[in-house]
Amino acid sequence: MNPLLARSVMKRVIAGGSCRRHFSSSSAVVIRAPKLFGALIGEHPRGSRMALIGWRRMMSTEAEHSSTSAVVEKEDKSNVAVAEKGGLVVSSYWGISKPKITREDGTEWPWNCFMPWETYRADVSIDLNKHHVPKTLIDKVAYRTVKLLRIPTDLFFRRRYGCRAMMLETVAAVPGMVGGMLLHLRSLRKFQQSGGWIKALLEEAENERMHLMTMAELVQPRWYERLLVLTVQGVFFNAFFVLYLMSPKLAHRVVGYLEEEAIHSYTEYLKDIDSGAIENVPAPAIAIDYWRLPKDAKLKDVITVIRADEAHHRDVNHFASDIHFQGKELREAPAPLGYH
């Protein structure tokens, strides 16, 4: 072999490069490799070890590259296959994927917004006629405020209880979120437990939101009603936020009276369904799963369980206000967790 050629190839091998530039194909490398190393060892005995190390390094690099390419190609094919089936391609790096969830009858669970273990059967036997008689000045302020707020609502919606319910639930889902958020921040500031009230109030907010999602399946609000919802929600959130900071007992009392008005509105809704003024249409699928209603449930069944939920929220907020009136903090009394 030409000494100059052998020396050049040896430098390439030691540097970890490829010999393919000097040979026409990989087969030529395999065939001529023994001769090459024989020549290198014969001419350069001291460099034989370095040549062997370099050759092994080059071959292991090629093998690793081939293996990596195969893995990447396999993952790409898998992702393409999932995409072709219409599935969601999610990286397995984060270890997050939706488990297969089924109903009790074995059918696939269709909802992502709530899970089967979050569903329940509403207690429709709850007393709907409870009323907190206003005695103190704060009670009277809360009661009169709610009564004044009802006047424009009655004038605007009249007997359109579907749209009224949408507006009501948009507002009703705010207090629990505001109260839970402020209690959460208070717990962080003072390094204190909340007694479960953070979770209880957030459960209330989530339950009211599910009322709204259900009503959205039944009612198609007009564009100006949607605009009104945006306006009222923005104003009410900020107003209630300030009110809760100033006086939690007044804030909870206001919500208690709001829930009493909600019970009245849903009772009137049911009267119109019974009289035939509002068609008793089939219940939305989301309501059937959330409240575990029968498959043949109707609108009347949905309004009945929503009204029961509002009665529970009434009790919780009047109870919370009573705790504050006794000069105590909410964390000193057990929170009614799971009390929808």
C-alpha atoms as a PDB file:
ATOM      1  CA  MET A   1       0.000   0.000   0.000  1.00  0.00           C
ATOM      2  CA  ASN A   2       1.136   3.514  -0.678  1.00  0.00           C
ATOM      3  CA  PRO A   3       2.657   4.883   2.571  1.00  0.00           C
ATOM      4  CA  LEU A   4       1.188   8.343   1.942  1.00  0.00           C
ATOM      5  CA  LEU A   5      -2.311   6.914   1.496  1.00  0.00           C
ATOM      6  CA  ALA A   6      -1.986   4.746   4.620  1.00  0.00           C
ATOM      7  CA  ARG A   7      -0.805   7.700   6.695  1.00  0.00           C
ATOM      8  CA  SER A   8      -3.707   9.848   5.483  1.00  0.00           C
ATOM      9  CA  VAL A   9      -6.279   7.167   6.276  1.00  0.00           C
ATOM     10  CA  MET A  10      -4.759   6.603   9.729  1.00  0.00           C
ATOM     11  CA  LYS A  11      -5.166  10.314  10.539  1.00  0.00           C
ATOM     12  CA  ARG A  12      -8.824  10.171   9.500  1.00  0.00           C
ATOM     13  CA  VAL A  13      -9.417   7.068  11.650  1.00  0.00           C
ATOM     14  CA  ILE A  14      -7.767   8.591  14.738  1.00  0.00           C
ATOM     15  CA  ALA A  15      -9.811  11.776  14.317  1.00  0.00           C
ATOM     16  CA  GLY A  16     -13.020   9.706  14.369  1.00  0.00           C
ATOM     17  CA  GLY A  17     -13.970  10.499  10.805  1.00  0.00           C
ATOM     18  CA  SER A  18     -15.278   8.211   8.101  1.00  0.00           C
ATOM     19  CA  CYS A  19     -13.157   6.360   5.555  1.00  0.00           C
ATOM     20  CA  ARG A  20     -15.823   6.513   2.891  1.00  0.00           C
ATOM     21  CA  ARG A  21     -14.216   9.534   1.296  1.00  0.00           C
ATOM     22  CA  HIS A  22     -11.223   7.352   0.351  1.00  0.00           C
ATOM     23  CA  PHE A  23     -13.199   4.306  -0.774  1.00  0.00           C
ATOM     24  CA  SER A  24     -16.029   3.949  -3.186  1.00  0.00           C
ATOM     25  CA  SER A  25     -18.454   1.984  -0.937  1.00  0.00           C
ATOM     26  CA  SER A  26     -18.943   0.535   2.527  1.00  0.00           C
ATOM     27  CA  SER A  27     -18.212  -2.918   1.166  1.00  0.00           C
ATOM     28  CA  ALA A  28     -14.838  -1.713   0.056  1.00  0.00           C
ATOM     29  CA  VAL A  29     -14.173  -0.544   3.590  1.00  0.00           C
ATOM     30  CA  VAL A  30     -15.025  -3.953   4.990  1.00  0.00           C
ATOM     31  CA  ILE A  31     -12.922  -5.808   2.439  1.00  0.00           C
ATOM     32  CA  ARG A  32      -9.886  -3.581   2.586  1.00  0.00           C
ATOM     33  CA  ALA A  33      -9.958  -2.921   6.334  1.00  0.00           C
ATOM     34  CA  PRO A  34      -7.782  -5.923   7.285  1.00  0.00           C
ATOM     35  CA  LYS A  35      -5.193  -4.989   4.675  1.00  0.00           C
ATOM     36  CA  LEU A  36      -5.299  -1.419   5.802  1.00  0.00           C
ATOM     37  CA  PHE A  37      -4.721  -2.300   9.425  1.00  0.00           C
ATOM     38  CA  GLY A  38      -2.087  -4.796   8.507  1.00  0.00           C
ATOM     39  CA  ALA A  39      -0.232  -2.121   6.638  1.00  0.00           C
ATOM     40  CA  LEU A  40      -0.704   0.372   9.423  1.00  0.00           C
ATOM     41  CA  ILE A  41       0.482  -2.044  12.058  1.00  0.00           C
ATOM     42  CA  GLY A  42       3.387  -3.130   9.938  1.00  0.00           C
ATOM     43  CA  GLU A  43       4.555   0.356   9.168  1.00  0.00           C
ATOM     44  CA  HIS A  44       3.577   1.980  12.462  1.00  0.00           C
ATOM     45  CA  PRO A  45       3.730  -0.525  15.345  1.00  0.00           C
ATOM     46  CA  ARG A  46       3.345   2.154  18.002  1.00  0.00           C
ATOM     47  CA  GLY A  47       0.204   3.560  16.367  1.00  0.00           C
ATOM     48  CA  SER A  48      -1.613   0.230  16.100  1.00  0.00           C
ATOM     49  CA  ARG A  49      -3.479   0.694  19.384  1.00  0.00           C
ATOM     50  CA  MET A  50      -4.602   4.193  18.461  1.00  0.00           C
ATOM     51  CA  ALA A  51      -5.743   3.000  15.050  1.00  0.00           C
ATOM     52  CA  LEU A  52      -7.809   0.189  16.576  1.00  0.00           C
ATOM     53  CA  ILE A  53      -9.418   2.587  19.097  1.00  0.00           C
ATOM     54  CA  GLY A  54     -10.251   5.031  16.336  1.00  0.00           C
ATOM     55  CA  TRP A  55     -11.741   2.302  14.156  1.00  0.00           C
ATOM     56  CA  ARG A  56     -13.899   0.968  16.991  1.00  0.00           C
ATOM     57  CA  ARG A  57     -15.041   4.495  17.797  1.00  0.00           C
ATOM     58  CA  MET A  58     -16.053   5.086  14.204  1.00  0.00           C
ATOM     59  CA  MET A  59     -17.953   1.789  13.981  1.00  0.00           C
ATOM     60  CA  SER A  60     -19.767   2.333  17.331  1.00  0.00           C
ATOM     61  CA  THR A  61     -20.757   5.834  16.231  1.00  0.00           C
ATOM     62  CA  GLU A  62     -22.201   4.452  13.008  1.00  0.00           C
ATOM     63  CA  ALA A  63     -24.126   1.753  14.925  1.00  0.00           C
ATOM     64  CA  GLU A  64     -25.470   4.265  17.463  1.00  0.00           C
ATOM     65  CA  HIS A  65     -26.551   6.589  14.672  1.00  0.00           C
ATOM     66  CA  SER A  66     -28.365   3.739  12.927  1.00  0.00           C
ATOM     67  CA  SER A  67     -30.092   2.692  16.174  1.00  0.00           C
ATOM     68  CA  THR A  68     -31.178   6.269  16.970  1.00  0.00           C
ATOM     69  CA  SER A  69     -32.506   6.734  13.467  1.00  0.00           C
ATOM     70  CA  ALA A  70     -34.522   3.538  13.797  1.00  0.00           C
ATOM     71  CA  VAL A  71     -36.075   4.673  17.102  1.00  0.00           C
ATOM     72  CA  VAL A  72     -36.952   8.121  15.745  1.00  0.00           C
ATOM     73  CA  GLU A  73     -38.400   6.559  12.615  1.00  0.00           C
ATOM     74  CA  LYS A  74     -40.477   4.176  14.747  1.00  0.00           C
ATOM     75  CA  GLU A  75     -41.822   7.050  16.881  1.00  0.00           C
ATOM     76  CA  ASP A  76     -42.637   9.080  13.775  1.00  0.00           C
ATOM     77  CA  LYS A  77     -44.547   6.157  12.294  1.00  0.00           C
ATOM     78  CA  SER A  78     -46.433   5.692  15.573  1.00  0.00           C
ATOM     79  CA  ASN A  79     -47.371   9.371  15.732  1.00  0.00           C
ATOM     80  CA  VAL A  80     -48.491   9.347  12.125  1.00  0.00           C
ATOM     81  CA  ALA A  81     -50.599   6.259  12.780  1.00  0.00           C
ATOM     82  CA  VAL A  82     -52.296   7.925  15.753  1.00  0.00           C
ATOM     83  CA  ALA A  83     -52.883  11.094  13.741  1.00  0.00           C
ATOM     84  CA  GLU A  84     -54.379   9.118  10.875  1.00  0.00           C
ATOM     85  CA  LYS A  85     -56.830   7.492  13.279  1.00  0.00           C
ATOM     86  CA  GLY A  86     -57.957  10.924  14.412  1.00  0.00           C
ATOM     87  CA  GLY A  87     -56.443  10.563  17.872  1.00  0.00           C
ATOM     88  CA  LEU A  88     -54.540  13.172  19.840  1.00  0.00           C
ATOM     89  CA  VAL A  89     -50.763  12.975  19.431  1.00  0.00           C
ATOM     90  CA  VAL A  90     -49.278  13.623  22.870  1.00  0.00           C
ATOM     91  CA  SER A  91     -45.623  13.416  23.785  1.00  0.00           C
ATOM     92  CA  SER A  92     -44.941  10.595  26.213  1.00  0.00           C
ATOM     93  CA  TYR A  93     -42.150  12.695  27.741  1.00  0.00           C
ATOM     94  CA  TRP A  94     -44.534  14.337  30.248  1.00  0.00           C
ATOM     95  CA  GLY A  95     -46.274  11.112  31.182  1.00  0.00           C
ATOM     96  CA  ILE A  96     -49.717  12.731  30.903  1.00  0.00           C
ATOM     97  CA  SER A  97     -52.455  10.949  29.030  1.00  0.00           C
ATOM     98  CA  LYS A  98     -56.190  10.536  29.439  1.00  0.00           C
ATOM     99  CA  PRO A  99     -57.039   7.186  31.032  1.00  0.00           C
ATOM    100  CA  LYS A 100     -59.886   5.167  29.649  1.00  0.00           C
ATOM    101  CA  ILE A 101     -62.929   6.031  31.750  1.00  0.00           C
ATOM    102  CA  THR A 102     -66.268   4.290  31.417  1.00  0.00           C
ATOM    103  CA  ARG A 103     -69.747   4.629  32.833  1.00  0.00           C
ATOM    104  CA  GLU A 104     -71.299   2.008  35.098  1.00  0.00           C
ATOM    105  CA  ASP A 105     -72.809   0.325  32.039  1.00  0.00           C
ATOM    106  CA  GLY A 106     -69.373   0.042  30.392  1.00  0.00           C
ATOM    107  CA  THR A 107     -69.814   2.777  27.765  1.00  0.00           C
ATOM    108  CA  GLU A 108     -67.067   5.346  27.291  1.00  0.00           C
ATOM    109  CA  TRP A 109     -67.220   8.507  29.418  1.00  0.00           C
ATOM    110  CA  PRO A 110     -67.699  11.442  26.993  1.00  0.00           C
ATOM    111  CA  TRP A 111     -66.921  14.437  29.235  1.00  0.00           C
ATOM    112  CA  ASN A 112     -63.610  16.096  30.066  1.00  0.00           C
ATOM    113  CA  CYS A 113     -65.102  18.872  32.221  1.00  0.00           C
ATOM    114  CA  PHE A 114     -66.104  16.487  35.020  1.00  0.00           C
ATOM    115  CA  MET A 115     -65.454  12.867  35.928  1.00  0.00           C
ATOM    116  CA  PRO A 116     -67.838  10.080  37.069  1.00  0.00           C
ATOM    117  CA  TRP A 117     -66.685  10.352  40.679  1.00  0.00           C
ATOM    118  CA  GLU A 118     -67.701  14.042  40.676  1.00  0.00           C
ATOM    119  CA  THR A 119     -71.314  13.284  39.791  1.00  0.00           C
ATOM    120  CA  TYR A 120     -74.057  12.935  42.386  1.00  0.00           C
ATOM    121  CA  ARG A 121     -77.782  12.670  42.984  1.00  0.00           C
ATOM    122  CA  ALA A 122     -79.295  15.902  44.245  1.00  0.00           C
ATOM    123  CA  ASP A 123     -81.252  15.830  47.490  1.00  0.00           C
ATOM    124  CA  VAL A 124     -84.610  17.030  46.194  1.00  0.00           C
ATOM    125  CA  SER A 125     -86.199  16.491  49.625  1.00  0.00           C
ATOM    126  CA  ILE A 126     -84.491  19.599  51.016  1.00  0.00           C
ATOM    127  CA  ASP A 127     -86.740  22.239  52.577  1.00  0.00           C
ATOM    128  CA  LEU A 128     -87.305  24.912  49.928  1.00  0.00           C
ATOM    129  CA  ASN A 129     -89.244  27.278  52.200  1.00  0.00           C
ATOM    130  CA  LYS A 130     -86.482  28.177  54.652  1.00  0.00           C
ATOM    131  CA  HIS A 131     -85.956  31.905  54.994  1.00  0.00           C
ATOM    132  CA  HIS A 132     -83.571  33.931  57.102  1.00  0.00           C
ATOM    133  CA  VAL A 133     -85.607  36.706  58.679  1.00  0.00           C
ATOM    134  CA  PRO A 134     -83.511  39.910  58.585  1.00  0.00           C
ATOM    135  CA  LYS A 135     -82.950  41.179  62.133  1.00  0.00           C
ATOM    136  CA  THR A 136     -79.729  43.158  62.250  1.00  0.00           C
ATOM    137  CA  LEU A 137     -78.840  46.181  60.145  1.00  0.00           C
ATOM    138  CA  ILE A 138     -76.501  44.112  57.980  1.00  0.00           C
ATOM    139  CA  ASP A 139     -79.249  41.558  57.350  1.00  0.00           C
ATOM    140  CA  LYS A 140     -81.669  44.284  56.320  1.00  0.00           C
ATOM    141  CA  VAL A 141     -79.110  45.887  53.991  1.00  0.00           C
ATOM    142  CA  ALA A 142     -78.437  42.525  52.333  1.00  0.00           C
ATOM    143  CA  TYR A 143     -82.136  41.714  51.992  1.00  0.00           C
ATOM    144  CA  ARG A 144     -83.090  45.103  50.530  1.00  0.00           C
ATOM    145  CA  THR A 145     -80.153  45.044  48.138  1.00  0.00           C
ATOM    146  CA  VAL A 146     -81.201  41.699  46.689  1.00  0.00           C
ATOM    147  CA  LYS A 147     -84.830  42.810  46.389  1.00  0.00           C
ATOM    148  CA  LEU A 148     -83.746  45.938  44.494  1.00  0.00           C
ATOM    149  CA  LEU A 149     -81.616  43.863  42.125  1.00  0.00           C
ATOM    150  CA  ARG A 150     -84.613  41.694  41.325  1.00  0.00           C
ATOM    151  CA  ILE A 151     -86.677  44.617  39.965  1.00  0.00           C
ATOM    152  CA  PRO A 152     -84.655  45.250  36.752  1.00  0.00           C
ATOM    153  CA  THR A 153     -84.318  41.490  36.248  1.00  0.00           C
ATOM    154  CA  ASP A 154     -88.095  41.015  36.336  1.00  0.00           C
ATOM    155  CA  LEU A 155     -88.629  43.934  33.958  1.00  0.00           C
ATOM    156  CA  PHE A 156     -86.041  42.723  31.455  1.00  0.00           C
ATOM    157  CA  PHE A 157     -86.687  38.959  31.349  1.00  0.00           C
ATOM    158  CA  ARG A 158     -90.354  38.805  32.444  1.00  0.00           C
ATOM    159  CA  ARG A 159     -91.444  35.148  31.997  1.00  0.00           C
ATOM    160  CA  ARG A 160     -88.455  34.073  29.883  1.00  0.00           C
ATOM    161  CA  TYR A 161     -87.082  31.863  32.619  1.00  0.00           C
ATOM    162  CA  GLY A 162     -84.521  30.124  30.437  1.00  0.00           C
ATOM    163  CA  CYS A 163     -82.665  33.366  29.713  1.00  0.00           C
ATOM    164  CA  ARG A 164     -83.234  34.513  33.286  1.00  0.00           C
ATOM    165  CA  ALA A 165     -81.607  31.314  34.531  1.00  0.00           C
ATOM    166  CA  MET A 166     -78.566  31.894  32.330  1.00  0.00           C
ATOM    167  CA  MET A 167     -78.130  35.386  33.754  1.00  0.00           C
ATOM    168  CA  LEU A 168     -78.704  34.104  37.281  1.00  0.00           C
ATOM    169  CA  GLU A 169     -76.113  31.328  36.975  1.00  0.00           C
ATOM    170  CA  THR A 170     -73.560  33.696  35.459  1.00  0.00           C
ATOM    171  CA  VAL A 171     -73.818  35.811  38.609  1.00  0.00           C
ATOM    172  CA  ALA A 172     -74.272  32.933  41.071  1.00  0.00           C
ATOM    173  CA  ALA A 173     -70.987  31.285  40.051  1.00  0.00           C
ATOM    174  CA  VAL A 174     -68.974  34.364  41.095  1.00  0.00           C
ATOM    175  CA  PRO A 175     -69.314  34.496  44.934  1.00  0.00           C
ATOM    176  CA  GLY A 176     -67.932  31.020  45.567  1.00  0.00           C
ATOM    177  CA  MET A 177     -64.904  31.707  43.403  1.00  0.00           C
ATOM    178  CA  VAL A 178     -64.237  35.106  45.011  1.00  0.00           C
ATOM    179  CA  GLY A 179     -64.698  33.787  48.546  1.00  0.00           C
ATOM    180  CA  GLY A 180     -62.576  30.700  47.905  1.00  0.00           C
ATOM    181  CA  MET A 181     -59.822  32.777  46.306  1.00  0.00           C
ATOM    182  CA  LEU A 182     -59.669  35.282  49.176  1.00  0.00           C
ATOM    183  CA  LEU A 183     -59.691  32.517  51.791  1.00  0.00           C
ATOM    184  CA  HIS A 184     -56.910  30.794  49.857  1.00  0.00           C
ATOM    185  CA  LEU A 185     -54.774  33.941  49.923  1.00  0.00           C
ATOM    186  CA  ARG A 186     -55.553  34.457  53.607  1.00  0.00           C
ATOM    187  CA  SER A 187     -54.455  30.907  54.369  1.00  0.00           C
ATOM    188  CA  LEU A 188     -51.161  31.524  52.571  1.00  0.00           C
ATOM    189  CA  ARG A 189     -50.532  34.829  54.339  1.00  0.00           C
ATOM    190  CA  LYS A 190     -51.294  33.618  57.843  1.00  0.00           C
ATOM    191  CA  PHE A 191     -50.061  30.028  57.488  1.00  0.00           C
ATOM    192  CA  GLN A 192     -53.455  28.784  58.673  1.00  0.00           C
ATOM    193  CA  GLN A 193     -55.762  26.000  57.608  1.00  0.00           C
ATOM    194  CA  SER A 194     -59.097  27.056  56.140  1.00  0.00           C
ATOM    195  CA  GLY A 195     -61.167  24.373  57.829  1.00  0.00           C
ATOM    196  CA  GLY A 196     -62.184  23.082  54.409  1.00  0.00           C
ATOM    197  CA  TRP A 197     -63.992  26.294  53.443  1.00  0.00           C
ATOM    198  CA  ILE A 198     -61.778  26.983  50.431  1.00  0.00           C
ATOM    199  CA  LYS A 199     -62.792  23.699  48.875  1.00  0.00           C
ATOM    200  CA  ALA A 200     -66.437  24.127  49.907  1.00  0.00           C
ATOM    201  CA  LEU A 201     -66.747  27.543  48.246  1.00  0.00           C
ATOM    202  CA  LEU A 202     -64.923  26.432  45.102  1.00  0.00           C
ATOM    203  CA  GLU A 203     -67.244  23.414  44.918  1.00  0.00           C
ATOM    204  CA  GLU A 204     -70.161  25.835  45.030  1.00  0.00           C
ATOM    205  CA  ALA A 205     -68.687  27.907  42.196  1.00  0.00           C
ATOM    206  CA  GLU A 206     -68.103  24.791  40.087  1.00  0.00           C
ATOM    207  CA  ASN A 207     -71.621  23.546  40.754  1.00  0.00           C
ATOM    208  CA  GLU A 208     -73.091  26.879  39.655  1.00  0.00           C
ATOM    209  CA  ARG A 209     -70.935  26.783  36.539  1.00  0.00           C
ATOM    210  CA  MET A 210     -72.360  23.372  35.675  1.00  0.00           C
ATOM    211  CA  HIS A 211     -75.833  24.882  36.021  1.00  0.00           C
ATOM    212  CA  LEU A 212     -74.820  27.441  33.409  1.00  0.00           C
ATOM    213  CA  MET A 213     -73.360  24.800  31.076  1.00  0.00           C
ATOM    214  CA  THR A 214     -76.635  22.890  31.335  1.00  0.00           C
ATOM    215  CA  MET A 215     -78.782  25.939  30.617  1.00  0.00           C
ATOM    216  CA  ALA A 216     -76.564  26.781  27.643  1.00  0.00           C
ATOM    217  CA  GLU A 217     -77.671  23.470  26.101  1.00  0.00           C
ATOM    218  CA  LEU A 218     -81.312  24.485  26.470  1.00  0.00           C
ATOM    219  CA  VAL A 219     -81.348  28.201  25.695  1.00  0.00           C
ATOM    220  CA  GLN A 220     -79.917  30.229  22.828  1.00  0.00           C
ATOM    221  CA  PRO A 221     -79.443  33.751  24.224  1.00  0.00           C
ATOM    222  CA  ARG A 222     -79.691  36.770  21.949  1.00  0.00           C
ATOM    223  CA  TRP A 223     -76.645  38.895  21.202  1.00  0.00           C
ATOM    224  CA  TYR A 224     -77.692  41.688  23.570  1.00  0.00           C
ATOM    225  CA  GLU A 225     -78.284  39.151  26.332  1.00  0.00           C
ATOM    226  CA  ARG A 226     -74.739  37.880  25.879  1.00  0.00           C
ATOM    227  CA  LEU A 227     -73.499  41.466  26.083  1.00  0.00           C
ATOM    228  CA  LEU A 228     -75.535  41.948  29.242  1.00  0.00           C
ATOM    229  CA  VAL A 229     -73.985  38.819  30.753  1.00  0.00           C
ATOM    230  CA  LEU A 230     -70.475  40.155  30.101  1.00  0.00           C
ATOM    231  CA  THR A 231     -71.313  43.505  31.649  1.00  0.00           C
ATOM    232  CA  VAL A 232     -73.086  42.131  34.712  1.00  0.00           C
ATOM    233  CA  GLN A 233     -70.383  39.555  35.398  1.00  0.00           C
ATOM    234  CA  GLY A 234     -67.602  42.138  35.216  1.00  0.00           C
ATOM    235  CA  VAL A 235     -69.407  44.589  37.484  1.00  0.00           C
ATOM    236  CA  PHE A 236     -70.601  41.962  39.957  1.00  0.00           C
ATOM    237  CA  PHE A 237     -67.209  40.264  40.299  1.00  0.00           C
ATOM    238  CA  ASN A 238     -65.433  43.479  41.254  1.00  0.00           C
ATOM    239  CA  ALA A 239     -68.267  44.671  43.491  1.00  0.00           C
ATOM    240  CA  PHE A 240     -68.449  41.370  45.352  1.00  0.00           C
ATOM    241  CA  PHE A 241     -64.653  41.246  45.659  1.00  0.00           C
ATOM    242  CA  VAL A 242     -64.644  44.611  47.449  1.00  0.00           C
ATOM    243  CA  LEU A 243     -67.672  43.638  49.535  1.00  0.00           C
ATOM    244  CA  TYR A 244     -66.044  40.400  50.728  1.00  0.00           C
ATOM    245  CA  LEU A 245     -62.894  42.272  51.736  1.00  0.00           C
ATOM    246  CA  MET A 246     -64.939  44.799  53.718  1.00  0.00           C
ATOM    247  CA  SER A 247     -67.464  42.448  55.349  1.00  0.00           C
ATOM    248  CA  PRO A 248     -67.529  38.686  54.740  1.00  0.00           C
ATOM    249  CA  LYS A 249     -70.667  38.296  56.868  1.00  0.00           C
ATOM    250  CA  LEU A 250     -72.545  40.807  54.682  1.00  0.00           C
ATOM    251  CA  ALA A 251     -71.222  39.151  51.526  1.00  0.00           C
ATOM    252  CA  HIS A 252     -72.389  35.675  52.567  1.00  0.00           C
ATOM    253  CA  ARG A 253     -75.757  37.051  53.687  1.00  0.00           C
ATOM    254  CA  VAL A 254     -76.249  38.688  50.291  1.00  0.00           C
ATOM    255  CA  VAL A 255     -75.498  35.370  48.575  1.00  0.00           C
ATOM    256  CA  GLY A 256     -77.919  33.583  50.900  1.00  0.00           C
ATOM    257  CA  TYR A 257     -80.721  35.925  49.859  1.00  0.00           C
ATOM    258  CA  LEU A 258     -79.716  35.644  46.198  1.00  0.00           C
ATOM    259  CA  GLU A 259     -80.118  31.888  46.472  1.00  0.00           C
ATOM    260  CA  GLU A 260     -83.564  32.355  47.996  1.00  0.00           C
ATOM    261  CA  GLU A 261     -84.512  34.402  44.933  1.00  0.00           C
ATOM    262  CA  ALA A 262     -83.057  31.684  42.704  1.00  0.00           C
ATOM    263  CA  ILE A 263     -85.305  29.110  44.370  1.00  0.00           C
ATOM    264  CA  HIS A 264     -88.290  31.354  43.690  1.00  0.00           C
ATOM    265  CA  SER A 265     -87.299  31.802  40.022  1.00  0.00           C
ATOM    266  CA  TYR A 266     -86.882  28.063  39.441  1.00  0.00           C
ATOM    267  CA  THR A 267     -90.209  27.386  41.154  1.00  0.00           C
ATOM    268  CA  GLU A 268     -91.884  29.753  38.682  1.00  0.00           C
ATOM    269  CA  TYR A 269     -89.980  28.002  35.890  1.00  0.00           C
ATOM    270  CA  LEU A 270     -91.469  24.668  36.980  1.00  0.00           C
ATOM    271  CA  LYS A 271     -94.955  26.183  37.094  1.00  0.00           C
ATOM    272  CA  ASP A 272     -94.645  27.245  33.451  1.00  0.00           C
ATOM    273  CA  ILE A 273     -93.465  23.748  32.516  1.00  0.00           C
ATOM    274  CA  ASP A 274     -96.433  22.176  34.301  1.00  0.00           C
ATOM    275  CA  SER A 275     -98.861  24.585  32.632  1.00  0.00           C
ATOM    276  CA  GLY A 276     -97.440  23.903  29.178  1.00  0.00           C
ATOM    277  CA  ALA A 277     -96.161  27.451  28.642  1.00  0.00           C
ATOM    278  CA  ILE A 278     -92.651  25.981  28.377  1.00  0.00           C
ATOM    279  CA  GLU A 279     -92.155  22.692  26.553  1.00  0.00           C
ATOM    280  CA  ASN A 280     -90.889  19.846  28.702  1.00  0.00           C
ATOM    281  CA  VAL A 281     -88.084  18.851  26.345  1.00  0.00           C
ATOM    282  CA  PRO A 282     -85.657  15.945  26.948  1.00  0.00           C
ATOM    283  CA  ALA A 283     -82.857  16.675  29.387  1.00  0.00           C
ATOM    284  CA  PRO A 284     -79.399  17.432  27.936  1.00  0.00           C
ATOM    285  CA  ALA A 285     -76.899  14.582  28.056  1.00  0.00           C
ATOM    286  CA  ILE A 286     -74.548  16.589  30.273  1.00  0.00           C
ATOM    287  CA  ALA A 287     -77.307  16.999  32.883  1.00  0.00           C
ATOM    288  CA  ILE A 288     -78.177  13.299  32.819  1.00  0.00           C
ATOM    289  CA  ASP A 289     -74.579  12.325  33.564  1.00  0.00           C
ATOM    290  CA  TYR A 290     -73.831  15.103  36.067  1.00  0.00           C
ATOM    291  CA  TRP A 291     -76.898  14.534  38.264  1.00  0.00           C
ATOM    292  CA  ARG A 292     -77.212  10.799  37.500  1.00  0.00           C
ATOM    293  CA  LEU A 293     -80.684  11.283  36.089  1.00  0.00           C
ATOM    294  CA  PRO A 294     -82.633   8.577  34.243  1.00  0.00           C
ATOM    295  CA  LYS A 295     -81.974   8.285  30.524  1.00  0.00           C
ATOM    296  CA  ASP A 296     -85.492   9.513  29.773  1.00  0.00           C
ATOM    297  CA  ALA A 297     -85.230  12.561  32.071  1.00  0.00           C
ATOM    298  CA  LYS A 298     -86.978  15.749  31.007  1.00  0.00           C
ATOM    299  CA  LEU A 299     -86.434  19.469  31.485  1.00  0.00           C
ATOM    300  CA  LYS A 300     -88.604  19.384  34.599  1.00  0.00           C
ATOM    301  CA  ASP A 301     -86.223  16.890  36.225  1.00  0.00           C
ATOM    302  CA  VAL A 302     -83.254  19.132  35.446  1.00  0.00           C
ATOM    303  CA  ILE A 303     -84.869  22.264  36.895  1.00  0.00           C
ATOM    304  CA  THR A 304     -85.889  20.303  39.986  1.00  0.00           C
ATOM    305  CA  VAL A 305     -82.327  19.212  40.798  1.00  0.00           C
ATOM    306  CA  ILE A 306     -80.916  22.666  40.033  1.00  0.00           C
ATOM    307  CA  ARG A 307     -83.432  24.189  42.444  1.00  0.00           C
ATOM    308  CA  ALA A 308     -82.320  21.691  45.105  1.00  0.00           C
ATOM    309  CA  ASP A 309     -78.706  22.753  44.553  1.00  0.00           C
ATOM    310  CA  GLU A 310     -79.675  26.394  45.046  1.00  0.00           C
ATOM    311  CA  ALA A 311     -81.361  25.495  48.327  1.00  0.00           C
ATOM    312  CA  HIS A 312     -78.129  23.892  49.531  1.00  0.00           C
ATOM    313  CA  HIS A 313     -76.137  26.980  48.537  1.00  0.00           C
ATOM    314  CA  ARG A 314     -78.650  29.095  50.456  1.00  0.00           C
ATOM    315  CA  ASP A 315     -78.023  27.049  53.603  1.00  0.00           C
ATOM    316  CA  VAL A 316     -74.236  27.154  53.239  1.00  0.00           C
ATOM    317  CA  ASN A 317     -74.026  30.927  52.823  1.00  0.00           C
ATOM    318  CA  HIS A 318     -76.469  31.764  55.618  1.00  0.00           C
ATOM    319  CA  PHE A 319     -74.508  29.345  57.820  1.00  0.00           C
ATOM    320  CA  ALA A 320     -71.230  31.083  56.902  1.00  0.00           C
ATOM    321  CA  SER A 321     -72.721  34.485  57.680  1.00  0.00           C
ATOM    322  CA  ASP A 322     -73.973  33.229  61.055  1.00  0.00           C
ATOM    323  CA  ILE A 323     -70.439  32.091  61.926  1.00  0.00           C
ATOM    324  CA  HIS A 324     -69.125  35.598  61.287  1.00  0.00           C
ATOM    325  CA  PHE A 325     -71.986  37.129  63.298  1.00  0.00           C
ATOM    326  CA  GLN A 326     -70.865  35.043  66.275  1.00  0.00           C
ATOM    327  CA  GLY A 327     -67.458  36.702  66.068  1.00  0.00           C
ATOM    328  CA  LYS A 328     -65.685  33.595  64.785  1.00  0.00           C
ATOM    329  CA  GLU A 329     -63.762  32.743  61.651  1.00  0.00           C
ATOM    330  CA  LEU A 330     -64.958  30.211  59.095  1.00  0.00           C
ATOM    331  CA  ARG A 331     -62.035  27.896  59.819  1.00  0.00           C
ATOM    332  CA  GLU A 332     -63.343  27.413  63.364  1.00  0.00           C
ATOM    333  CA  ALA A 333     -66.461  25.641  62.068  1.00  0.00           C
ATOM    334  CA  PRO A 334     -66.489  22.530  59.886  1.00  0.00           C
ATOM    335  CA  ALA A 335     -67.054  23.263  56.217  1.00  0.00           C
ATOM    336  CA  PRO A 336     -69.985  21.505  54.513  1.00  0.00           C
ATOM    337  CA  LEU A 337     -67.870  19.664  51.941  1.00  0.00           C
ATOM    338  CA  GLY A 338     -69.818  17.846  49.266  1.00  0.00           C
ATOM    339  CA  TYR A 339     -72.966  19.717  50.284  1.00  0.00           C
ATOM    340  CA  HIS A 340     -74.176  20.778  46.844  1.00  0.00           C
END
